[in-house]
Amino acid sequence: MDNEMTGVAMQMILHAGDARLHISEALKNVKQFDFEAAAEKMKQAEKELQQAHQFQTNVIQEEAGGVKHELHILFIHAQDTLMTIKSEYELARQLIDIAQAFDQRLKKVEEN
């Protein structure tokens, strides 16, 4: 059981970490006003977060079904990592929306 939870935790951390890299790349794209590339990176980040979340959900569903898991510090760390990066994802989405809005307004000003 311990090896199973370690594997689940590591998969959560791996996918969440990959999501963080995609988010970082998306924000770099925004700095270059490449909103299309940023959107693609955010889609990739979302897929990674969904995969990480599915590992967590599976454990929770097992618990709800009567399977008892020992408290595993690495799993707790994985959950914390997932939620932190999920928050980063949501914040990045908002920042990208703001940057796009400013870019559109700037283009209108430049046209005049």
PDB file of N, CA and C in Angstrom:
ATOM      1  N   MET A   1       0.829  -1.201   0.000  1.00  0.00           N
ATOM      2  CA  MET A   1       0.000   0.000   0.000  1.00  0.00           C
ATOM      3  C   MET A   1       0.867   1.257   0.000  1.00  0.00           C
ATOM      4  N   ASP A   2       1.959   1.226   0.760  1.00  0.00           N
ATOM      5  CA  ASP A   2       2.823   2.389   0.853  1.00  0.00           C
ATOM      6  C   ASP A   2       3.397   2.746  -0.519  1.00  0.00           C
ATOM      7  N   ASN A   3       3.831   1.742  -1.268  1.00  0.00           N
ATOM      8  CA  ASN A   3       4.373   2.004  -2.603  1.00  0.00           C
ATOM      9  C   ASN A   3       3.300   2.546  -3.538  1.00  0.00           C
ATOM     10  N   GLU A   4       2.069   2.067  -3.383  1.00  0.00           N
ATOM     11  CA  GLU A   4       0.972   2.558  -4.215  1.00  0.00           C
ATOM     12  C   GLU A   4       0.732   4.043  -3.958  1.00  0.00           C
ATOM     13  N   MET A   5       0.664   4.439  -2.703  1.00  0.00           N
ATOM     14  CA  MET A   5       0.422   5.849  -2.378  1.00  0.00           C
ATOM     15  C   MET A   5       1.604   6.716  -2.797  1.00  0.00           C
ATOM     16  N   THR A   6       2.809   6.188  -2.684  1.00  0.00           N
ATOM     17  CA  THR A   6       3.981   6.928  -3.148  1.00  0.00           C
ATOM     18  C   THR A   6       3.877   7.170  -4.644  1.00  0.00           C
ATOM     19  N   GLY A   7       3.489   6.134  -5.379  1.00  0.00           N
ATOM     20  CA  GLY A   7       3.341   6.279  -6.826  1.00  0.00           C
ATOM     21  C   GLY A   7       2.264   7.273  -7.207  1.00  0.00           C
ATOM     22  N   VAL A   8       1.139   7.214  -6.512  1.00  0.00           N
ATOM     23  CA  VAL A   8       0.040   8.154  -6.771  1.00  0.00           C
ATOM     24  C   VAL A   8       0.507   9.577  -6.482  1.00  0.00           C
ATOM     25  N   ALA A   9       1.159   9.763  -5.359  1.00  0.00           N
ATOM     26  CA  ALA A   9       1.638  11.097  -4.978  1.00  0.00           C
ATOM     27  C   ALA A   9       2.643  11.622  -5.997  1.00  0.00           C
ATOM     28  N   MET A  10       3.537  10.771  -6.432  1.00  0.00           N
ATOM     29  CA  MET A  10       4.539  11.211  -7.402  1.00  0.00           C
ATOM     30  C   MET A  10       3.895  11.577  -8.740  1.00  0.00           C
ATOM     31  N   GLN A  11       2.875  10.845  -9.154  1.00  0.00           N
ATOM     32  CA  GLN A  11       2.171  11.181 -10.393  1.00  0.00           C
ATOM     33  C   GLN A  11       1.466  12.538 -10.259  1.00  0.00           C
ATOM     34  N   MET A  12       0.870  12.769  -9.107  1.00  0.00           N
ATOM     35  CA  MET A  12       0.217  14.060  -8.877  1.00  0.00           C
ATOM     36  C   MET A  12       1.231  15.198  -8.956  1.00  0.00           C
ATOM     37  N   ILE A  13       2.360  15.009  -8.302  1.00  0.00           N
ATOM     38  CA  ILE A  13       3.409  16.043  -8.295  1.00  0.00           C
ATOM     39  C   ILE A  13       3.960  16.249  -9.696  1.00  0.00           C
ATOM     40  N   LEU A  14       4.180  15.158 -10.420  1.00  0.00           N
ATOM     41  CA  LEU A  14       4.717  15.233 -11.777  1.00  0.00           C
ATOM     42  C   LEU A  14       3.781  16.018 -12.689  1.00  0.00           C
ATOM     43  N   HIS A  15       2.502  15.655 -12.699  1.00  0.00           N
ATOM     44  CA  HIS A  15       1.559  16.337 -13.587  1.00  0.00           C
ATOM     45  C   HIS A  15       1.335  17.790 -13.165  1.00  0.00           C
ATOM     46  N   ALA A  16       1.250  18.032 -11.877  1.00  0.00           N
ATOM     47  CA  ALA A  16       1.088  19.415 -11.409  1.00  0.00           C
ATOM     48  C   ALA A  16       2.317  20.247 -11.765  1.00  0.00           C
ATOM     49  N   GLY A  17       3.485  19.662 -11.613  1.00  0.00           N
ATOM     50  CA  GLY A  17       4.720  20.369 -11.973  1.00  0.00           C
ATOM     51  C   GLY A  17       4.790  20.687 -13.450  1.00  0.00           C
ATOM     52  N   ASP A  18       4.356  19.728 -14.286  1.00  0.00           N
ATOM     53  CA  ASP A  18       4.310  19.991 -15.724  1.00  0.00           C
ATOM     54  C   ASP A  18       3.331  21.113 -16.033  1.00  0.00           C
ATOM     55  N   ALA A  19       2.211  21.136 -15.317  1.00  0.00           N
ATOM     56  CA  ALA A  19       1.243  22.224 -15.492  1.00  0.00           C
ATOM     57  C   ALA A  19       1.893  23.561 -15.163  1.00  0.00           C
ATOM     58  N   ARG A  20       2.660  23.597 -14.095  1.00  0.00           N
ATOM     59  CA  ARG A  20       3.325  24.844 -13.700  1.00  0.00           C
ATOM     60  C   ARG A  20       4.273  25.326 -14.803  1.00  0.00           C
ATOM     61  N   LEU A  21       4.988  24.398 -15.425  1.00  0.00           N
ATOM     62  CA  LEU A  21       5.888  24.773 -16.517  1.00  0.00           C
ATOM     63  C   LEU A  21       5.108  25.364 -17.696  1.00  0.00           C
ATOM     64  N   HIS A  22       3.983  24.756 -18.036  1.00  0.00           N
ATOM     65  CA  HIS A  22       3.158  25.272 -19.127  1.00  0.00           C
ATOM     66  C   HIS A  22       2.604  26.665 -18.793  1.00  0.00           C
ATOM     67  N   ILE A  23       2.209  26.852 -17.552  1.00  0.00           N
ATOM     68  CA  ILE A  23       1.707  28.163 -17.123  1.00  0.00           C
ATOM     69  C   ILE A  23       2.803  29.214 -17.268  1.00  0.00           C
ATOM     70  N   SER A  24       4.001  28.873 -16.836  1.00  0.00           N
ATOM     71  CA  SER A  24       5.134  29.794 -16.944  1.00  0.00           C
ATOM     72  C   SER A  24       5.416  30.138 -18.401  1.00  0.00           C
ATOM     73  N   GLU A  25       5.365  29.140 -19.253  1.00  0.00           N
ATOM     74  CA  GLU A  25       5.588  29.376 -20.679  1.00  0.00           C
ATOM     75  C   GLU A  25       4.474  30.252 -21.262  1.00  0.00           C
ATOM     76  N   ALA A  26       3.246  30.022 -20.832  1.00  0.00           N
ATOM     77  CA  ALA A  26       2.130  30.832 -21.308  1.00  0.00           C
ATOM     78  C   ALA A  26       2.339  32.300 -20.942  1.00  0.00           C
ATOM     79  N   LEU A  27       2.770  32.551 -19.733  1.00  0.00           N
ATOM     80  CA  LEU A  27       2.996  33.931 -19.307  1.00  0.00           C
ATOM     81  C   LEU A  27       4.149  34.563 -20.073  1.00  0.00           C
ATOM     82  N   LYS A  28       5.153  33.772 -20.418  1.00  0.00           N
ATOM     83  CA  LYS A  28       6.244  34.288 -21.260  1.00  0.00           C
ATOM     84  C   LYS A  28       5.711  34.649 -22.644  1.00  0.00           C
ATOM     85  N   ASN A  29       4.793  33.820 -23.171  1.00  0.00           N
ATOM     86  CA  ASN A  29       4.165  34.131 -24.455  1.00  0.00           C
ATOM     87  C   ASN A  29       3.386  35.437 -24.384  1.00  0.00           C
ATOM     88  N   VAL A  30       2.704  35.668 -23.272  1.00  0.00           N
ATOM     89  CA  VAL A  30       1.933  36.902 -23.105  1.00  0.00           C
ATOM     90  C   VAL A  30       2.861  38.115 -23.133  1.00  0.00           C
ATOM     91  N   LYS A  31       4.033  37.986 -22.540  1.00  0.00           N
ATOM     92  CA  LYS A  31       4.996  39.098 -22.567  1.00  0.00           C
ATOM     93  C   LYS A  31       5.368  39.484 -23.996  1.00  0.00           C
ATOM     94  N   GLN A  32       5.283  38.526 -24.897  1.00  0.00           N
ATOM     95  CA  GLN A  32       5.587  38.763 -26.305  1.00  0.00           C
ATOM     96  C   GLN A  32       4.317  39.058 -27.113  1.00  0.00           C
ATOM     97  N   PHE A  33       3.187  39.190 -26.422  1.00  0.00           N
ATOM     98  CA  PHE A  33       1.879  39.435 -27.033  1.00  0.00           C
ATOM     99  C   PHE A  33       1.460  38.301 -27.973  1.00  0.00           C
ATOM    100  N   ASP A  34       1.930  37.092 -27.686  1.00  0.00           N
ATOM    101  CA  ASP A  34       1.557  35.910 -28.466  1.00  0.00           C
ATOM    102  C   ASP A  34       0.461  35.173 -27.694  1.00  0.00           C
ATOM    103  N   PHE A  35      -0.742  35.690 -27.804  1.00  0.00           N
ATOM    104  CA  PHE A  35      -1.860  35.162 -27.034  1.00  0.00           C
ATOM    105  C   PHE A  35      -2.308  33.787 -27.529  1.00  0.00           C
ATOM    106  N   GLU A  36      -2.091  33.506 -28.795  1.00  0.00           N
ATOM    107  CA  GLU A  36      -2.456  32.197 -29.335  1.00  0.00           C
ATOM    108  C   GLU A  36      -1.573  31.105 -28.714  1.00  0.00           C
ATOM    109  N   ALA A  37      -0.278  31.347 -28.662  1.00  0.00           N
ATOM    110  CA  ALA A  37       0.634  30.382 -28.045  1.00  0.00           C
ATOM    111  C   ALA A  37       0.338  30.256 -26.552  1.00  0.00           C
ATOM    112  N   ALA A  38       0.019  31.371 -25.920  1.00  0.00           N
ATOM    113  CA  ALA A  38      -0.311  31.336 -24.489  1.00  0.00           C
ATOM    114  C   ALA A  38      -1.545  30.489 -24.244  1.00  0.00           C
ATOM    115  N   ALA A  39      -2.552  30.620 -25.103  1.00  0.00           N
ATOM    116  CA  ALA A  39      -3.777  29.831 -24.952  1.00  0.00           C
ATOM    117  C   ALA A  39      -3.478  28.341 -25.086  1.00  0.00           C
ATOM    118  N   GLU A  40      -2.610  27.997 -26.019  1.00  0.00           N
ATOM    119  CA  GLU A  40      -2.247  26.584 -26.199  1.00  0.00           C
ATOM    120  C   GLU A  40      -1.523  26.047 -24.962  1.00  0.00           C
ATOM    121  N   LYS A  41      -0.624  26.830 -24.414  1.00  0.00           N
ATOM    122  CA  LYS A  41       0.094  26.409 -23.202  1.00  0.00           C
ATOM    123  C   LYS A  41      -0.865  26.255 -22.023  1.00  0.00           C
ATOM    124  N   MET A  42      -1.840  27.135 -21.945  1.00  0.00           N
ATOM    125  CA  MET A  42      -2.816  27.028 -20.856  1.00  0.00           C
ATOM    126  C   MET A  42      -3.693  25.786 -21.025  1.00  0.00           C
ATOM    127  N   LYS A  43      -4.004  25.418 -22.256  1.00  0.00           N
ATOM    128  CA  LYS A  43      -4.744  24.174 -22.492  1.00  0.00           C
ATOM    129  C   LYS A  43      -3.930  22.973 -22.036  1.00  0.00           C
ATOM    130  N   GLN A  44      -2.633  22.997 -22.333  1.00  0.00           N
ATOM    131  CA  GLN A  44      -1.753  21.907 -21.900  1.00  0.00           C
ATOM    132  C   GLN A  44      -1.678  21.853 -20.380  1.00  0.00           C
ATOM    133  N   ALA A  45      -1.604  23.019 -19.755  1.00  0.00           N
ATOM    134  CA  ALA A  45      -1.571  23.076 -18.291  1.00  0.00           C
ATOM    135  C   ALA A  45      -2.849  22.499 -17.702  1.00  0.00           C
ATOM    136  N   GLU A  46      -3.978  22.850 -18.302  1.00  0.00           N
ATOM    137  CA  GLU A  46      -5.259  22.345 -17.813  1.00  0.00           C
ATOM    138  C   GLU A  46      -5.323  20.823 -17.906  1.00  0.00           C
ATOM    139  N   LYS A  47      -4.833  20.259 -18.990  1.00  0.00           N
ATOM    140  CA  LYS A  47      -4.817  18.793 -19.143  1.00  0.00           C
ATOM    141  C   LYS A  47      -3.964  18.142 -18.056  1.00  0.00           C
ATOM    142  N   GLU A  48      -2.821  18.738 -17.781  1.00  0.00           N
ATOM    143  CA  GLU A  48      -1.941  18.192 -16.737  1.00  0.00           C
ATOM    144  C   GLU A  48      -2.618  18.271 -15.371  1.00  0.00           C
ATOM    145  N   LEU A  49      -3.272  19.387 -15.098  1.00  0.00           N
ATOM    146  CA  LEU A  49      -3.977  19.531 -13.819  1.00  0.00           C
ATOM    147  C   LEU A  49      -5.111  18.521 -13.705  1.00  0.00           C
ATOM    148  N   GLN A  50      -5.804  18.279 -14.794  1.00  0.00           N
ATOM    149  CA  GLN A  50      -6.879  17.281 -14.777  1.00  0.00           C
ATOM    150  C   GLN A  50      -6.337  15.893 -14.469  1.00  0.00           C
ATOM    151  N   GLN A  51      -5.186  15.564 -15.044  1.00  0.00           N
ATOM    152  CA  GLN A  51      -4.591  14.254 -14.768  1.00  0.00           C
ATOM    153  C   GLN A  51      -4.177  14.144 -13.303  1.00  0.00           C
ATOM    154  N   ALA A  52      -3.544  15.179 -12.789  1.00  0.00           N
ATOM    155  CA  ALA A  52      -3.137  15.165 -11.382  1.00  0.00           C
ATOM    156  C   ALA A  52      -4.366  15.044 -10.484  1.00  0.00           C
ATOM    157  N   HIS A  53      -5.394  15.784 -10.812  1.00  0.00           N
ATOM    158  CA  HIS A  53      -6.621  15.768 -10.013  1.00  0.00           C
ATOM    159  C   HIS A  53      -7.276  14.391 -10.049  1.00  0.00           C
ATOM    160  N   GLN A  54      -7.197  13.708 -11.184  1.00  0.00           N
ATOM    161  CA  GLN A  54      -7.810  12.381 -11.296  1.00  0.00           C
ATOM    162  C   GLN A  54      -7.140  11.384 -10.343  1.00  0.00           C
ATOM    163  N   PHE A  55      -5.830  11.469 -10.198  1.00  0.00           N
ATOM    164  CA  PHE A  55      -5.139  10.597  -9.243  1.00  0.00           C
ATOM    165  C   PHE A  55      -5.665  10.843  -7.826  1.00  0.00           C
ATOM    166  N   GLN A  56      -5.820  12.118  -7.470  1.00  0.00           N
ATOM    167  CA  GLN A  56      -6.342  12.460  -6.149  1.00  0.00           C
ATOM    168  C   GLN A  56      -7.773  11.954  -5.985  1.00  0.00           C
ATOM    169  N   THR A  57      -8.585  12.164  -7.005  1.00  0.00           N
ATOM    170  CA  THR A  57      -9.984  11.744  -6.960  1.00  0.00           C
ATOM    171  C   THR A  57     -10.105  10.237  -6.775  1.00  0.00           C
ATOM    172  N   ASN A  58      -9.252   9.491  -7.446  1.00  0.00           N
ATOM    173  CA  ASN A  58      -9.287   8.029  -7.312  1.00  0.00           C
ATOM    174  C   ASN A  58      -9.071   7.600  -5.865  1.00  0.00           C
ATOM    175  N   VAL A  59      -8.120   8.220  -5.198  1.00  0.00           N
ATOM    176  CA  VAL A  59      -7.847   7.882  -3.794  1.00  0.00           C
ATOM    177  C   VAL A  59      -9.047   8.244  -2.924  1.00  0.00           C
ATOM    178  N   ILE A  60      -9.614   9.405  -3.157  1.00  0.00           N
ATOM    179  CA  ILE A  60     -10.774   9.839  -2.368  1.00  0.00           C
ATOM    180  C   ILE A  60     -11.956   8.908  -2.597  1.00  0.00           C
ATOM    181  N   GLN A  61     -12.176   8.513  -3.831  1.00  0.00           N
ATOM    182  CA  GLN A  61     -13.270   7.586  -4.123  1.00  0.00           C
ATOM    183  C   GLN A  61     -13.048   6.222  -3.481  1.00  0.00           C
ATOM    184  N   GLU A  62     -11.799   5.762  -3.459  1.00  0.00           N
ATOM    185  CA  GLU A  62     -11.491   4.502  -2.776  1.00  0.00           C
ATOM    186  C   GLU A  62     -11.822   4.604  -1.294  1.00  0.00           C
ATOM    187  N   GLU A  63     -11.422   5.715  -0.690  1.00  0.00           N
ATOM    188  CA  GLU A  63     -11.715   5.927   0.729  1.00  0.00           C
ATOM    189  C   GLU A  63     -13.226   5.929   0.965  1.00  0.00           C
ATOM    190  N   ALA A  64     -13.953   6.621   0.102  1.00  0.00           N
ATOM    191  CA  ALA A  64     -15.404   6.667   0.236  1.00  0.00           C
ATOM    192  C   ALA A  64     -16.028   5.288   0.069  1.00  0.00           C
ATOM    193  N   GLY A  65     -15.355   4.424  -0.695  1.00  0.00           N
ATOM    194  CA  GLY A  65     -15.842   3.068  -0.918  1.00  0.00           C
ATOM    195  C   GLY A  65     -15.407   2.073   0.138  1.00  0.00           C
ATOM    196  N   GLY A  66     -14.699   2.548   1.150  1.00  0.00           N
ATOM    197  CA  GLY A  66     -14.321   1.666   2.246  1.00  0.00           C
ATOM    198  C   GLY A  66     -12.869   1.227   2.268  1.00  0.00           C
ATOM    199  N   VAL A  67     -12.108   1.566   1.252  1.00  0.00           N
ATOM    200  CA  VAL A  67     -10.685   1.221   1.238  1.00  0.00           C
ATOM    201  C   VAL A  67      -9.956   2.220   2.136  1.00  0.00           C
ATOM    202  N   LYS A  68      -9.252   1.713   3.113  1.00  0.00           N
ATOM    203  CA  LYS A  68      -8.531   2.588   4.046  1.00  0.00           C
ATOM    204  C   LYS A  68      -7.083   2.736   3.608  1.00  0.00           C
ATOM    205  N   HIS A  69      -6.644   3.988   3.533  1.00  0.00           N
ATOM    206  CA  HIS A  69      -5.256   4.298   3.205  1.00  0.00           C
ATOM    207  C   HIS A  69      -4.601   4.892   4.441  1.00  0.00           C
ATOM    208  N   GLU A  70      -3.355   4.529   4.647  1.00  0.00           N
ATOM    209  CA  GLU A  70      -2.612   5.136   5.745  1.00  0.00           C
ATOM    210  C   GLU A  70      -2.288   6.581   5.385  1.00  0.00           C
ATOM    211  N   LEU A  71      -2.216   7.427   6.407  1.00  0.00           N
ATOM    212  CA  LEU A  71      -1.816   8.810   6.194  1.00  0.00           C
ATOM    213  C   LEU A  71      -0.406   8.806   5.609  1.00  0.00           C
ATOM    214  N   HIS A  72      -0.244   9.451   4.488  1.00  0.00           N
ATOM    215  CA  HIS A  72       1.026   9.426   3.766  1.00  0.00           C
ATOM    216  C   HIS A  72       1.441  10.870   3.511  1.00  0.00           C
ATOM    217  N   ILE A  73       2.549  11.288   4.111  1.00  0.00           N
ATOM    218  CA  ILE A  73       2.967  12.693   4.044  1.00  0.00           C
ATOM    219  C   ILE A  73       3.227  13.135   2.609  1.00  0.00           C
ATOM    220  N   LEU A  74       3.727  12.230   1.773  1.00  0.00           N
ATOM    221  CA  LEU A  74       3.983  12.595   0.384  1.00  0.00           C
ATOM    222  C   LEU A  74       2.669  12.868  -0.359  1.00  0.00           C
ATOM    223  N   PHE A  75       1.608  12.135  -0.028  1.00  0.00           N
ATOM    224  CA  PHE A  75       0.307  12.385  -0.641  1.00  0.00           C
ATOM    225  C   PHE A  75      -0.230  13.752  -0.205  1.00  0.00           C
ATOM    226  N   ILE A  76      -0.045  14.084   1.043  1.00  0.00           N
ATOM    227  CA  ILE A  76      -0.471  15.399   1.536  1.00  0.00           C
ATOM    228  C   ILE A  76       0.297  16.499   0.798  1.00  0.00           C
ATOM    229  N   HIS A  77       1.588  16.292   0.629  1.00  0.00           N
ATOM    230  CA  HIS A  77       2.406  17.256  -0.119  1.00  0.00           C
ATOM    231  C   HIS A  77       1.908  17.360  -1.565  1.00  0.00           C
ATOM    232  N   ALA A  78       1.563  16.236  -2.170  1.00  0.00           N
ATOM    233  CA  ALA A  78       1.067  16.236  -3.546  1.00  0.00           C
ATOM    234  C   ALA A  78      -0.236  17.016  -3.650  1.00  0.00           C
ATOM    235  N   GLN A  79      -1.125  16.835  -2.680  1.00  0.00           N
ATOM    236  CA  GLN A  79      -2.381  17.583  -2.687  1.00  0.00           C
ATOM    237  C   GLN A  79      -2.117  19.078  -2.557  1.00  0.00           C
ATOM    238  N   ASP A  80      -1.207  19.436  -1.680  1.00  0.00           N
ATOM    239  CA  ASP A  80      -0.854  20.843  -1.502  1.00  0.00           C
ATOM    240  C   ASP A  80      -0.269  21.414  -2.791  1.00  0.00           C
ATOM    241  N   THR A  81       0.608  20.658  -3.431  1.00  0.00           N
ATOM    242  CA  THR A  81       1.213  21.094  -4.688  1.00  0.00           C
ATOM    243  C   THR A  81       0.142  21.290  -5.751  1.00  0.00           C
ATOM    244  N   LEU A  82      -0.759  20.330  -5.860  1.00  0.00           N
ATOM    245  CA  LEU A  82      -1.833  20.411  -6.846  1.00  0.00           C
ATOM    246  C   LEU A  82      -2.693  21.653  -6.625  1.00  0.00           C
ATOM    247  N   MET A  83      -3.094  21.898  -5.414  1.00  0.00           N
ATOM    248  CA  MET A  83      -3.969  23.039  -5.135  1.00  0.00           C
ATOM    249  C   MET A  83      -3.241  24.362  -5.346  1.00  0.00           C
ATOM    250  N   THR A  84      -1.965  24.411  -5.011  1.00  0.00           N
ATOM    251  CA  THR A  84      -1.182  25.628  -5.222  1.00  0.00           C
ATOM    252  C   THR A  84      -1.084  25.945  -6.703  1.00  0.00           C
ATOM    253  N   ILE A  85      -0.774  24.930  -7.499  1.00  0.00           N
ATOM    254  CA  ILE A  85      -0.615  25.157  -8.932  1.00  0.00           C
ATOM    255  C   ILE A  85      -1.963  25.415  -9.593  1.00  0.00           C
ATOM    256  N   LYS A  86      -3.018  24.825  -9.077  1.00  0.00           N
ATOM    257  CA  LYS A  86      -4.361  25.135  -9.574  1.00  0.00           C
ATOM    258  C   LYS A  86      -4.663  26.618  -9.350  1.00  0.00           C
ATOM    259  N   SER A  87      -4.267  27.139  -8.201  1.00  0.00           N
ATOM    260  CA  SER A  87      -4.451  28.573  -7.929  1.00  0.00           C
ATOM    261  C   SER A  87      -3.615  29.424  -8.885  1.00  0.00           C
ATOM    262  N   GLU A  88      -2.385  28.985  -9.145  1.00  0.00           N
ATOM    263  CA  GLU A  88      -1.539  29.700 -10.096  1.00  0.00           C
ATOM    264  C   GLU A  88      -2.193  29.713 -11.481  1.00  0.00           C
ATOM    265  N   TYR A  89      -2.785  28.590 -11.852  1.00  0.00           N
ATOM    266  CA  TYR A  89      -3.459  28.478 -13.142  1.00  0.00           C
ATOM    267  C   TYR A  89      -4.604  29.496 -13.234  1.00  0.00           C
ATOM    268  N   GLU A  90      -5.410  29.556 -12.191  1.00  0.00           N
ATOM    269  CA  GLU A  90      -6.546  30.484 -12.195  1.00  0.00           C
ATOM    270  C   GLU A  90      -6.078  31.937 -12.246  1.00  0.00           C
ATOM    271  N   LEU A  91      -5.038  32.245 -11.506  1.00  0.00           N
ATOM    272  CA  LEU A  91      -4.493  33.605 -11.524  1.00  0.00           C
ATOM    273  C   LEU A  91      -3.916  33.938 -12.902  1.00  0.00           C
ATOM    274  N   ALA A  92      -3.194  32.995 -13.498  1.00  0.00           N
ATOM    275  CA  ALA A  92      -2.624  33.223 -14.831  1.00  0.00           C
ATOM    276  C   ALA A  92      -3.727  33.454 -15.855  1.00  0.00           C
ATOM    277  N   ARG A  93      -4.822  32.713 -15.750  1.00  0.00           N
ATOM    278  CA  ARG A  93      -5.953  32.925 -16.674  1.00  0.00           C
ATOM    279  C   ARG A  93      -6.444  34.363 -16.590  1.00  0.00           C
ATOM    280  N   GLN A  94      -6.577  34.855 -15.376  1.00  0.00           N
ATOM    281  CA  GLN A  94      -7.035  36.233 -15.189  1.00  0.00           C
ATOM    282  C   GLN A  94      -6.027  37.241 -15.736  1.00  0.00           C
ATOM    283  N   LEU A  95      -4.754  37.000 -15.487  1.00  0.00           N
ATOM    284  CA  LEU A  95      -3.720  37.907 -15.990  1.00  0.00           C
ATOM    285  C   LEU A  95      -3.688  37.932 -17.513  1.00  0.00           C
ATOM    286  N   ILE A  96      -3.867  36.783 -18.120  1.00  0.00           N
ATOM    287  CA  ILE A  96      -3.884  36.714 -19.580  1.00  0.00           C
ATOM    288  C   ILE A  96      -5.087  37.488 -20.124  1.00  0.00           C
ATOM    289  N   ASP A  97      -6.232  37.321 -19.492  1.00  0.00           N
ATOM    290  CA  ASP A  97      -7.427  38.071 -19.914  1.00  0.00           C
ATOM    291  C   ASP A  97      -7.193  39.579 -19.805  1.00  0.00           C
ATOM    292  N   ILE A  98      -6.580  40.004 -18.736  1.00  0.00           N
ATOM    293  CA  ILE A  98      -6.286  41.426 -18.548  1.00  0.00           C
ATOM    294  C   ILE A  98      -5.309  41.921 -19.615  1.00  0.00           C
ATOM    295  N   ALA A  99      -4.274  41.145 -19.872  1.00  0.00           N
ATOM    296  CA  ALA A  99      -3.291  41.533 -20.885  1.00  0.00           C
ATOM    297  C   ALA A  99      -3.935  41.635 -22.265  1.00  0.00           C
ATOM    298  N   GLN A 100      -4.829  40.708 -22.584  1.00  0.00           N
ATOM    299  CA  GLN A 100      -5.519  40.755 -23.873  1.00  0.00           C
ATOM    300  C   GLN A 100      -6.412  41.999 -23.963  1.00  0.00           C
ATOM    301  N   ALA A 101      -7.080  42.321 -22.885  1.00  0.00           N
ATOM    302  CA  ALA A 101      -7.941  43.497 -22.878  1.00  0.00           C
ATOM    303  C   ALA A 101      -7.113  44.767 -23.084  1.00  0.00           C
ATOM    304  N   PHE A 102      -5.974  44.863 -22.404  1.00  0.00           N
ATOM    305  CA  PHE A 102      -5.103  46.025 -22.591  1.00  0.00           C
ATOM    306  C   PHE A 102      -4.569  46.080 -24.020  1.00  0.00           C
ATOM    307  N   ASP A 103      -4.196  44.926 -24.552  1.00  0.00           N
ATOM    308  CA  ASP A 103      -3.672  44.878 -25.907  1.00  0.00           C
ATOM    309  C   ASP A 103      -4.722  45.359 -26.909  1.00  0.00           C
ATOM    310  N   GLN A 104      -5.957  44.929 -26.735  1.00  0.00           N
ATOM    311  CA  GLN A 104      -7.035  45.358 -27.635  1.00  0.00           C
ATOM    312  C   GLN A 104      -7.278  46.859 -27.535  1.00  0.00           C
ATOM    313  N   ARG A 105      -7.258  47.368 -26.312  1.00  0.00           N
ATOM    314  CA  ARG A 105      -7.464  48.820 -26.134  1.00  0.00           C
ATOM    315  C   ARG A 105      -6.310  49.611 -26.750  1.00  0.00           C
ATOM    316  N   LEU A 106      -5.100  49.106 -26.579  1.00  0.00           N
ATOM    317  CA  LEU A 106      -3.922  49.787 -27.135  1.00  0.00           C
ATOM    318  C   LEU A 106      -4.009  49.803 -28.659  1.00  0.00           C
ATOM    319  N   LYS A 107      -4.436  48.714 -29.244  1.00  0.00           N
ATOM    320  CA  LYS A 107      -4.576  48.672 -30.708  1.00  0.00           C
ATOM    321  C   LYS A 107      -5.602  49.681 -31.192  1.00  0.00           C
ATOM    322  N   LYS A 108      -6.695  49.850 -30.460  1.00  0.00           N
ATOM    323  CA  LYS A 108      -7.708  50.843 -30.825  1.00  0.00           C
ATOM    324  C   LYS A 108      -7.156  52.256 -30.754  1.00  0.00           C
ATOM    325  N   VAL A 109      -6.354  52.523 -29.723  1.00  0.00           N
ATOM    326  CA  VAL A 109      -5.745  53.848 -29.579  1.00  0.00           C
ATOM    327  C   VAL A 109      -4.774  54.099 -30.717  1.00  0.00           C
ATOM    328  N   GLU A 110      -3.998  53.084 -31.077  1.00  0.00           N
ATOM    329  CA  GLU A 110      -3.017  53.236 -32.141  1.00  0.00           C
ATOM    330  C   GLU A 110      -3.680  53.470 -33.495  1.00  0.00           C
ATOM    331  N   GLU A 111      -4.898  52.930 -33.681  1.00  0.00           N
ATOM    332  CA  GLU A 111      -5.619  53.113 -34.931  1.00  0.00           C
ATOM    333  C   GLU A 111      -6.075  54.552 -35.113  1.00  0.00           C
ATOM    334  N   ASN A 112      -6.290  55.240 -34.022  1.00  0.00           N
ATOM    335  CA  ASN A 112      -6.791  56.624 -34.087  1.00  0.00           C
ATOM    336  C   ASN A 112      -5.699  57.611 -34.269  1.00  0.00           C
TER     337      ASN A 112
END
